[in-house]
C-alpha atoms as a PDB file:
ATOM      1  CA  MET A   1       5.395  -8.378  20.496  1.00  0.00           C
ATOM      2  CA  THR A   2       1.848  -9.176  22.694  1.00  0.00           C
ATOM      3  CA  ASP A   3      -0.396  -9.240  19.291  1.00  0.00           C
ATOM      4  CA  LEU A   4       1.808 -12.008  17.773  1.00  0.00           C
ATOM      5  CA  LEU A   5       2.079 -14.199  21.009  1.00  0.00           C
ATOM      6  CA  ALA A   6      -1.755 -13.641  21.315  1.00  0.00           C
ATOM      7  CA  GLU A   7      -1.698 -14.922  17.541  1.00  0.00           C
ATOM      8  CA  VAL A   8       0.617 -17.680  18.506  1.00  0.00           C
ATOM      9  CA  ASN A   9      -1.678 -19.082  21.551  1.00  0.00           C
ATOM     10  CA  GLU A  10      -4.696 -18.717  19.580  1.00  0.00           C
ATOM     11  CA  ARG A  11      -3.239 -21.109  17.183  1.00  0.00           C
ATOM     12  CA  VAL A  12      -2.377 -23.560  19.886  1.00  0.00           C
ATOM     13  CA  ARG A  13      -5.838 -23.304  21.070  1.00  0.00           C
ATOM     14  CA  GLU A  14      -7.028 -24.086  17.082  1.00  0.00           C
ATOM     15  CA  LEU A  15      -4.724 -27.121  17.556  1.00  0.00           C
ATOM     16  CA  ALA A  16      -5.783 -27.930  20.823  1.00  0.00           C
ATOM     17  CA  ASP A  17      -9.993 -27.562  19.883  1.00  0.00           C
ATOM     18  CA  GLN A  18      -9.592 -30.363  16.954  1.00  0.00           C
ATOM     19  CA  ARG A  19      -7.637 -33.149  19.373  1.00  0.00           C
ATOM     20  CA  PRO A  20      -9.196 -35.170  21.589  1.00  0.00           C
ATOM     21  CA  HIS A  21      -8.478 -33.889  24.739  1.00  0.00           C
ATOM     22  CA  GLY A  22     -10.492 -34.367  27.678  1.00  0.00           C
ATOM     23  CA  SER A  23      -9.207 -32.047  30.561  1.00  0.00           C
ATOM     24  CA  ASP A  24      -5.579 -31.927  28.538  1.00  0.00           C
ATOM     25  CA  ALA A  25      -3.632 -28.655  29.630  1.00  0.00           C
ATOM     26  CA  TRP A  26      -2.126 -26.955  27.016  1.00  0.00           C
ATOM     27  CA  ASP A  27       1.215 -25.100  27.063  1.00  0.00           C
ATOM     28  CA  PHE A  28       0.615 -21.049  25.813  1.00  0.00           C
ATOM     29  CA  GLN A  29       3.207 -18.709  25.446  1.00  0.00           C
ATOM     30  CA  CYS A  30       3.036 -15.980  28.486  1.00  0.00           C
ATOM     31  CA  GLU A  31       1.946 -12.158  26.842  1.00  0.00           C
ATOM     32  CA  CYS A  32       3.606 -10.276  29.159  1.00  0.00           C
ATOM     33  CA  GLY A  33       5.487  -8.664  26.284  1.00  0.00           C
ATOM     34  CA  GLU A  34       8.905  -8.909  27.839  1.00  0.00           C
ATOM     35  CA  PRO A  35      11.590 -10.240  24.963  1.00  0.00           C
ATOM     36  CA  GLU A  36      13.127 -12.293  27.506  1.00  0.00           C
ATOM     37  CA  CYS A  37      10.656 -13.718  28.587  1.00  0.00           C
ATOM     38  CA  GLN A  38      10.092 -17.588  27.070  1.00  0.00           C
ATOM     39  CA  ASP A  39       7.855 -18.928  29.892  1.00  0.00           C
ATOM     40  CA  VAL A  40       4.621 -20.496  28.942  1.00  0.00           C
ATOM     41  CA  VAL A  41       1.701 -21.078  31.014  1.00  0.00           C
ATOM     42  CA  SER A  42      -0.648 -25.078  31.215  1.00  0.00           C
ATOM     43  CA  LEU A  43      -4.012 -24.203  30.548  1.00  0.00           C
ATOM     44  CA  THR A  44      -6.826 -26.562  30.110  1.00  0.00           C
ATOM     45  CA  LEU A  45      -9.277 -25.041  26.852  1.00  0.00           C
ATOM     46  CA  PRO A  46     -11.793 -23.808  29.301  1.00  0.00           C
ATOM     47  CA  GLU A  47      -9.513 -22.027  31.153  1.00  0.00           C
ATOM     48  CA  TYR A  48      -7.815 -20.120  28.558  1.00  0.00           C
ATOM     49  CA  GLU A  49     -11.415 -19.385  26.800  1.00  0.00           C
ATOM     50  CA  LEU A  50     -12.045 -17.871  30.265  1.00  0.00           C
ATOM     51  CA  ILE A  51      -9.136 -15.679  30.340  1.00  0.00           C
ATOM     52  CA  ARG A  52      -9.787 -14.620  26.784  1.00  0.00           C
ATOM     53  CA  ARG A  53     -13.334 -13.762  27.892  1.00  0.00           C
ATOM     54  CA  SER A  54     -12.112 -11.244  30.505  1.00  0.00           C
ATOM     55  CA  GLY A  55      -9.840  -9.542  27.798  1.00  0.00           C
ATOM     56  CA  THR A  56      -6.698  -9.910  30.169  1.00  0.00           C
ATOM     57  CA  PRO A  57      -3.112 -11.223  28.210  1.00  0.00           C
ATOM     58  CA  ILE A  58      -2.119 -15.222  29.087  1.00  0.00           C
ATOM     59  CA  LEU A  59       0.389 -14.572  32.134  1.00  0.00           C
ATOM     60  CA  ALA A  60       2.490 -16.570  33.796  1.00  0.00           C
ATOM     61  CA  GLU A  61       2.360 -16.305  37.470  1.00  0.00           C
ATOM     62  CA  GLY A  62       4.007 -12.847  38.730  1.00  0.00           C
ATOM     63  CA  HIS A  63       4.301 -11.122  35.260  1.00  0.00           C
ATOM     64  CA  VAL A  64       2.439  -8.165  34.391  1.00  0.00           C
ATOM     65  CA  PRO A  65       1.854  -7.049  31.375  1.00  0.00           C
ATOM     66  CA  SER A  66       3.959  -4.363  29.971  1.00  0.00           C
ATOM     67  CA  ARG A  67       2.213  -0.769  30.545  1.00  0.00           C
ATOM     68  CA  PHE A  68       5.415   1.242  29.573  1.00  0.00           C
ATOM     69  CA  ARG A  69       6.122  -1.082  26.276  1.00  0.00           C
ATOM     70  CA  LEU A  70       2.344  -0.785  25.461  1.00  0.00           C
ATOM     71  CA  ALA A  71       2.714   3.093  26.272  1.00  0.00           C
ATOM     72  CA  ARG A  72       5.818   3.479  24.279  1.00  0.00           C
ATOM     73  CA  ASP A  73       4.198   1.425  21.265  1.00  0.00           C
ATOM     74  CA  ARG A  74       1.083   4.197  21.071  1.00  0.00           C
ATOM     75  CA  ALA A  75       3.365   7.073  21.183  1.00  0.00           C
ATOM     76  CA  THR A  76       4.886   5.736  18.504  1.00  0.00           C
ATOM     77  CA  GLU A  77       2.025   5.109  16.404  1.00  0.00           C
ATOM     78  CA  LEU A  78       0.695   8.407  17.168  1.00  0.00           C
ATOM     79  CA  ARG A  79       3.873   9.993  16.495  1.00  0.00           C
ATOM     80  CA  ASN A  80       3.985   8.494  12.834  1.00  0.00           C
ATOM     81  CA  GLU A  81       0.315   9.259  12.506  1.00  0.00           C
ATOM     82  CA  ALA A  82       1.443  12.687  13.277  1.00  0.00           C
ATOM     83  CA  ILE A  83       4.367  12.766  10.791  1.00  0.00           C
ATOM     84  CA  ALA A  84       2.333  11.304   7.786  1.00  0.00           C
ATOM     85  CA  LEU A  85      -0.614  14.129   8.375  1.00  0.00           C
ATOM     86  CA  ARG A  86       1.825  16.482   8.447  1.00  0.00           C
ATOM     87  CA  ARG A  87       3.332  15.523   5.189  1.00  0.00           C
ATOM     88  CA  GLN A  88      -0.320  15.701   3.576  1.00  0.00           C
ATOM     89  CA  ALA A  89      -1.064  18.974   4.659  1.00  0.00           C
ATOM     90  CA  ARG A  90       2.266  20.123   3.449  1.00  0.00           C
ATOM     91  CA  HIS A  91       1.518  18.436  -0.028  1.00  0.00           C
ATOM     92  CA  GLN A  92      -2.205  19.692   0.220  1.00  0.00           C
ATOM     93  CA  ALA A  93      -0.907  23.429   0.984  1.00  0.00           C
ATOM     94  CA  GLU A  94       2.007  22.815  -1.975  1.00  0.00           C
ATOM     95  CA  ARG A  95      -0.815  21.693  -4.655  1.00  0.00           C
ATOM     96  CA  ALA A  96      -3.287  25.061  -3.429  1.00  0.00           C
ATOM     97  CA  ARG A  97      -0.276  27.609  -4.314  1.00  0.00           C
ATOM     98  CA  ARG A  98       0.113  25.908  -7.542  1.00  0.00           C
ATOM     99  CA  VAL A  99      -3.448  25.804  -8.415  1.00  0.00           C
ATOM    100  CA  ARG A 100      -3.791  29.465  -7.296  1.00  0.00           C
ATOM    101  CA  ASP A 101      -0.568  30.654  -9.120  1.00  0.00           C
ATOM    102  CA  ALA A 102      -1.733  28.891 -12.346  1.00  0.00           C
ATOM    103  CA  ASP A 103      -5.461  30.620 -11.330  1.00  0.00           C
ATOM    104  CA  GLU A 104      -3.469  34.228 -11.252  1.00  0.00           C
ATOM    105  CA  ARG A 105      -1.596  33.565 -14.612  1.00  0.00           C
ATOM    106  CA  GLY A 106      -4.923  33.012 -15.661  1.00  0.00           C
ATOM    107  CA  GLU A 107      -3.356  28.711 -16.689  1.00  0.00           C
ATOM    108  CA  SER A 108      -6.313  26.312 -16.561  1.00  0.00           C
ATOM    109  CA  HIS A 109      -5.586  23.308 -14.609  1.00  0.00           C
END
């Protein structure tokens, strides 16, 4: 979710970059990652760029990135990778068993 909001904010920045803006502030979405958050953060382009360069998300006042959400998402990714690796290992073991059995019977593969 936070990646999607960061992408939306990058599109806002691109749009703002194409307009004569001076010191105008633009509304960016809060990237805290909470599903119910609809807050916006008004920033000038230099302010936005400064935050981006710092590597922190755009956050409404008092909001913090959902560390638990990030940890849970990473755990889900790792679990899915482990399942895929386990399936690959089973497939390769079955394949090796078939080759071994064919060799024992003197068949070519």
